[in-house]
C-alpha cells in the first residue's frame, strides 16, 4: 500500500495517544518531521521522514513502532496502536 503525505501525517498524529504527535510538513520535498509531546515538553522527535520512509506502509509502521518503543522504555504509557489498513 502506498501512503501519501497527508495520510502519513494523519497516521503519525494518531499513533502516540494519549500523547500528542505534532507534525511539521516540508512541502519542498514532501517530507515531514515530528515530535511527540505531553503538551508541555518534547518526549521524542524524528528530525526528517523522507517520502521513501513513509510511502511504504511497512516502513512507516516500523518508524512509528521504534518511536513508541523508545517512549515505553522511558516509562510513557501509550494506547494500543496498529497500522491502519
N, C-alpha and C. Protein backbone atom coordinates (compact mmCIF):
# COMPACT_ATOMS: atom_id res chain seq x y z
N UNK A 1 0.84 -1.18 0.00
CA UNK A 1 0.00 0.00 0.00
C UNK A 1 0.88 1.25 0.00
N UNK A 2 0.62 2.17 -0.90
CA UNK A 2 1.37 3.42 -0.97
C UNK A 2 0.63 4.48 -0.15
N UNK A 3 1.39 5.22 0.63
CA UNK A 3 0.82 6.24 1.50
C UNK A 3 1.30 7.61 1.04
N UNK A 4 0.35 8.56 0.92
CA UNK A 4 0.75 9.92 0.55
C UNK A 4 1.04 10.73 1.82
N UNK A 5 1.54 11.93 1.63
CA UNK A 5 1.97 12.77 2.75
C UNK A 5 0.82 13.05 3.72
N UNK A 6 -0.33 13.41 3.21
CA UNK A 6 -1.47 13.74 4.08
C UNK A 6 -1.86 12.54 4.95
N UNK A 7 -1.88 11.36 4.35
CA UNK A 7 -2.23 10.14 5.11
C UNK A 7 -1.16 9.82 6.15
N UNK A 8 0.10 9.96 5.79
CA UNK A 8 1.20 9.70 6.73
C UNK A 8 1.11 10.64 7.93
N UNK A 9 0.83 11.90 7.67
CA UNK A 9 0.69 12.87 8.76
C UNK A 9 -0.45 12.46 9.68
N UNK A 10 -1.57 12.09 9.12
CA UNK A 10 -2.73 11.66 9.92
C UNK A 10 -2.38 10.44 10.78
N UNK A 11 -1.68 9.48 10.20
CA UNK A 11 -1.30 8.27 10.94
C UNK A 11 -0.40 8.63 12.11
N UNK A 12 0.60 9.46 11.88
CA UNK A 12 1.54 9.84 12.94
C UNK A 12 0.81 10.61 14.05
N UNK A 13 -0.09 11.48 13.67
CA UNK A 13 -0.81 12.26 14.68
C UNK A 13 -1.62 11.37 15.63
N UNK A 14 -2.06 10.21 15.16
CA UNK A 14 -2.89 9.31 15.97
C UNK A 14 -2.11 8.17 16.62
N UNK A 15 -0.84 8.00 16.30
CA UNK A 15 -0.09 6.82 16.72
C UNK A 15 0.44 6.87 18.14
N UNK A 16 0.36 8.02 18.80
CA UNK A 16 1.02 8.16 20.10
C UNK A 16 0.06 8.55 21.22
N UNK A 17 -1.22 8.30 21.04
CA UNK A 17 -2.20 8.66 22.06
C UNK A 17 -1.93 7.93 23.36
N UNK A 18 -2.11 8.53 24.50
CA UNK A 18 -2.73 9.82 24.76
C UNK A 18 -1.78 11.02 24.61
N UNK A 19 -0.54 10.76 24.20
CA UNK A 19 0.38 11.86 23.93
C UNK A 19 0.03 12.50 22.60
N UNK A 20 0.75 13.53 22.22
CA UNK A 20 0.44 14.27 21.01
C UNK A 20 1.55 14.09 19.97
N UNK A 21 1.18 13.64 18.78
CA UNK A 21 2.11 13.59 17.66
C UNK A 21 1.99 14.90 16.88
N UNK A 22 3.01 15.73 16.95
CA UNK A 22 2.99 17.03 16.29
C UNK A 22 3.87 16.97 15.05
N UNK A 23 3.28 17.22 13.90
CA UNK A 23 3.96 17.03 12.62
C UNK A 23 4.22 18.38 11.95
N UNK A 24 5.41 18.50 11.36
CA UNK A 24 5.75 19.66 10.52
C UNK A 24 6.04 19.15 9.12
N UNK A 25 5.22 19.56 8.19
CA UNK A 25 5.40 19.15 6.80
C UNK A 25 6.41 20.05 6.11
N UNK A 26 7.19 19.48 5.18
CA UNK A 26 8.09 20.24 4.33
C UNK A 26 7.65 20.00 2.89
N UNK A 27 6.81 20.89 2.35
CA UNK A 27 6.27 20.66 1.00
C UNK A 27 7.34 20.72 -0.09
N UNK A 28 8.50 21.28 0.19
CA UNK A 28 9.53 21.38 -0.84
C UNK A 28 10.01 20.01 -1.32
N UNK A 29 10.00 19.03 -0.41
CA UNK A 29 10.43 17.69 -0.81
C UNK A 29 9.46 16.60 -0.34
N UNK A 30 8.24 17.01 0.06
CA UNK A 30 7.20 16.08 0.50
C UNK A 30 7.65 15.23 1.68
N UNK A 31 8.46 15.81 2.55
CA UNK A 31 8.89 15.11 3.76
C UNK A 31 8.21 15.75 4.97
N UNK A 32 8.48 15.18 6.14
CA UNK A 32 7.99 15.79 7.37
C UNK A 32 8.89 15.41 8.52
N UNK A 33 8.74 16.12 9.61
CA UNK A 33 9.37 15.77 10.88
C UNK A 33 8.25 15.68 11.90
N UNK A 34 8.53 15.03 13.02
CA UNK A 34 7.50 15.01 14.05
C UNK A 34 8.13 14.93 15.43
N UNK A 35 7.34 15.41 16.38
CA UNK A 35 7.71 15.34 17.78
C UNK A 35 6.52 14.76 18.55
N UNK A 36 6.82 14.02 19.58
CA UNK A 36 5.79 13.51 20.46
C UNK A 36 5.92 14.29 21.76
N UNK A 37 4.82 14.92 22.16
CA UNK A 37 4.83 15.75 23.36
C UNK A 37 3.75 15.31 24.34
N UNK A 38 3.91 15.77 25.56
CA UNK A 38 2.87 15.55 26.56
C UNK A 38 2.04 16.82 26.76
N UNK A 39 2.20 17.75 25.86
CA UNK A 39 1.51 19.02 25.95
C UNK A 39 2.40 20.14 26.45
N UNK A 40 3.49 19.77 27.14
CA UNK A 40 4.39 20.80 27.65
C UNK A 40 5.85 20.58 27.26
N UNK A 41 6.23 19.34 27.02
CA UNK A 41 7.61 19.08 26.64
C UNK A 41 7.71 17.99 25.57
N UNK A 42 8.79 18.06 24.80
CA UNK A 42 9.04 17.06 23.76
C UNK A 42 9.61 15.81 24.42
N UNK A 43 8.99 14.67 24.15
CA UNK A 43 9.41 13.39 24.72
C UNK A 43 10.21 12.55 23.73
N UNK A 44 9.96 12.75 22.44
CA UNK A 44 10.68 12.05 21.37
C UNK A 44 10.52 12.87 20.11
N UNK A 45 11.50 12.77 19.23
CA UNK A 45 11.42 13.52 17.97
C UNK A 45 12.13 12.77 16.86
N UNK A 46 11.61 12.93 15.66
CA UNK A 46 12.24 12.41 14.46
C UNK A 46 12.42 13.60 13.53
N UNK A 47 13.67 13.92 13.23
CA UNK A 47 14.01 15.16 12.54
C UNK A 47 13.61 15.19 11.07
N UNK A 48 13.60 14.04 10.41
CA UNK A 48 13.29 14.04 8.98
C UNK A 48 12.75 12.67 8.58
N UNK A 49 11.58 12.68 7.95
CA UNK A 49 10.99 11.46 7.41
C UNK A 49 10.79 11.70 5.92
N UNK A 50 11.63 11.07 5.13
CA UNK A 50 11.58 11.24 3.67
C UNK A 50 10.41 10.47 3.07
N UNK A 51 10.03 10.86 1.87
CA UNK A 51 8.94 10.17 1.17
C UNK A 51 9.21 8.67 1.10
N UNK A 52 10.44 8.28 0.86
CA UNK A 52 10.77 6.85 0.76
C UNK A 52 10.54 6.12 2.08
N UNK A 53 10.55 6.84 3.20
CA UNK A 53 10.33 6.23 4.51
C UNK A 53 8.85 6.10 4.86
N UNK A 54 8.01 6.98 4.36
CA UNK A 54 6.60 6.92 4.73
C UNK A 54 5.69 6.37 3.63
N UNK A 55 6.13 6.37 2.39
CA UNK A 55 5.22 5.96 1.32
C UNK A 55 4.92 4.47 1.35
N UNK A 56 5.77 3.69 1.95
CA UNK A 56 5.54 2.25 2.12
C UNK A 56 5.03 2.02 3.54
N UNK A 57 3.85 1.43 3.66
CA UNK A 57 3.21 1.25 4.97
C UNK A 57 4.11 0.54 5.97
N UNK A 58 4.84 -0.47 5.53
CA UNK A 58 5.72 -1.21 6.44
C UNK A 58 6.85 -0.36 6.99
N UNK A 59 7.40 0.51 6.16
CA UNK A 59 8.48 1.39 6.61
C UNK A 59 7.98 2.41 7.63
N UNK A 60 6.82 3.01 7.34
CA UNK A 60 6.24 3.97 8.27
C UNK A 60 5.87 3.30 9.59
N UNK A 61 5.29 2.12 9.52
CA UNK A 61 4.92 1.39 10.73
C UNK A 61 6.15 1.10 11.58
N UNK A 62 7.25 0.70 10.95
CA UNK A 62 8.47 0.40 11.69
C UNK A 62 9.02 1.65 12.38
N UNK A 63 8.99 2.77 11.70
CA UNK A 63 9.46 4.02 12.28
C UNK A 63 8.60 4.40 13.49
N UNK A 64 7.30 4.29 13.36
CA UNK A 64 6.40 4.60 14.46
C UNK A 64 6.62 3.63 15.62
N UNK A 65 6.74 2.35 15.33
CA UNK A 65 6.94 1.36 16.39
C UNK A 65 8.25 1.60 17.14
N UNK A 66 9.33 1.97 16.44
CA UNK A 66 10.59 2.28 17.12
C UNK A 66 10.42 3.46 18.07
N UNK A 67 9.71 4.48 17.63
CA UNK A 67 9.48 5.65 18.46
C UNK A 67 8.60 5.29 19.65
N UNK A 68 7.58 4.48 19.43
CA UNK A 68 6.73 4.04 20.54
C UNK A 68 7.52 3.22 21.55
N UNK A 69 8.43 2.38 21.08
CA UNK A 69 9.26 1.59 22.00
C UNK A 69 10.16 2.48 22.84
N UNK A 70 10.74 3.51 22.23
CA UNK A 70 11.56 4.47 22.98
C UNK A 70 10.74 5.13 24.07
N UNK A 71 9.53 5.54 23.74
CA UNK A 71 8.66 6.18 24.72
C UNK A 71 8.29 5.22 25.85
N UNK A 72 7.97 3.98 25.50
CA UNK A 72 7.64 2.98 26.51
C UNK A 72 8.84 2.71 27.41
N UNK A 73 10.02 2.64 26.82
CA UNK A 73 11.25 2.41 27.59
C UNK A 73 11.47 3.55 28.59
N UNK A 74 11.05 4.74 28.22
CA UNK A 74 11.18 5.90 29.11
C UNK A 74 10.02 6.00 30.10
N UNK A 75 9.11 5.02 30.08
CA UNK A 75 8.04 4.96 31.08
C UNK A 75 6.72 5.60 30.68
N UNK A 76 6.57 5.95 29.41
CA UNK A 76 5.32 6.57 28.95
C UNK A 76 4.34 5.49 28.50
N UNK A 77 3.13 5.55 28.99
CA UNK A 77 2.10 4.58 28.63
C UNK A 77 1.32 5.10 27.42
N UNK A 78 1.22 4.26 26.41
CA UNK A 78 0.52 4.62 25.18
C UNK A 78 -0.66 3.68 24.96
N UNK A 79 -1.68 4.19 24.31
CA UNK A 79 -2.79 3.33 23.92
C UNK A 79 -2.31 2.33 22.88
N UNK A 80 -2.94 1.17 22.81
CA UNK A 80 -2.56 0.20 21.76
C UNK A 80 -2.70 0.85 20.38
N UNK A 81 -1.83 0.43 19.46
CA UNK A 81 -1.84 1.00 18.12
C UNK A 81 -1.45 -0.06 17.12
N UNK A 82 -2.06 0.00 15.95
CA UNK A 82 -1.61 -0.80 14.81
C UNK A 82 -1.78 0.03 13.57
N UNK A 83 -0.99 -0.29 12.58
CA UNK A 83 -1.01 0.45 11.33
C UNK A 83 -2.38 0.29 10.67
N UNK A 84 -3.05 1.42 10.36
CA UNK A 84 -4.35 1.32 9.70
C UNK A 84 -4.21 0.68 8.31
N UNK A 85 -5.22 -0.06 7.92
CA UNK A 85 -5.18 -0.76 6.64
C UNK A 85 -5.55 0.07 5.46
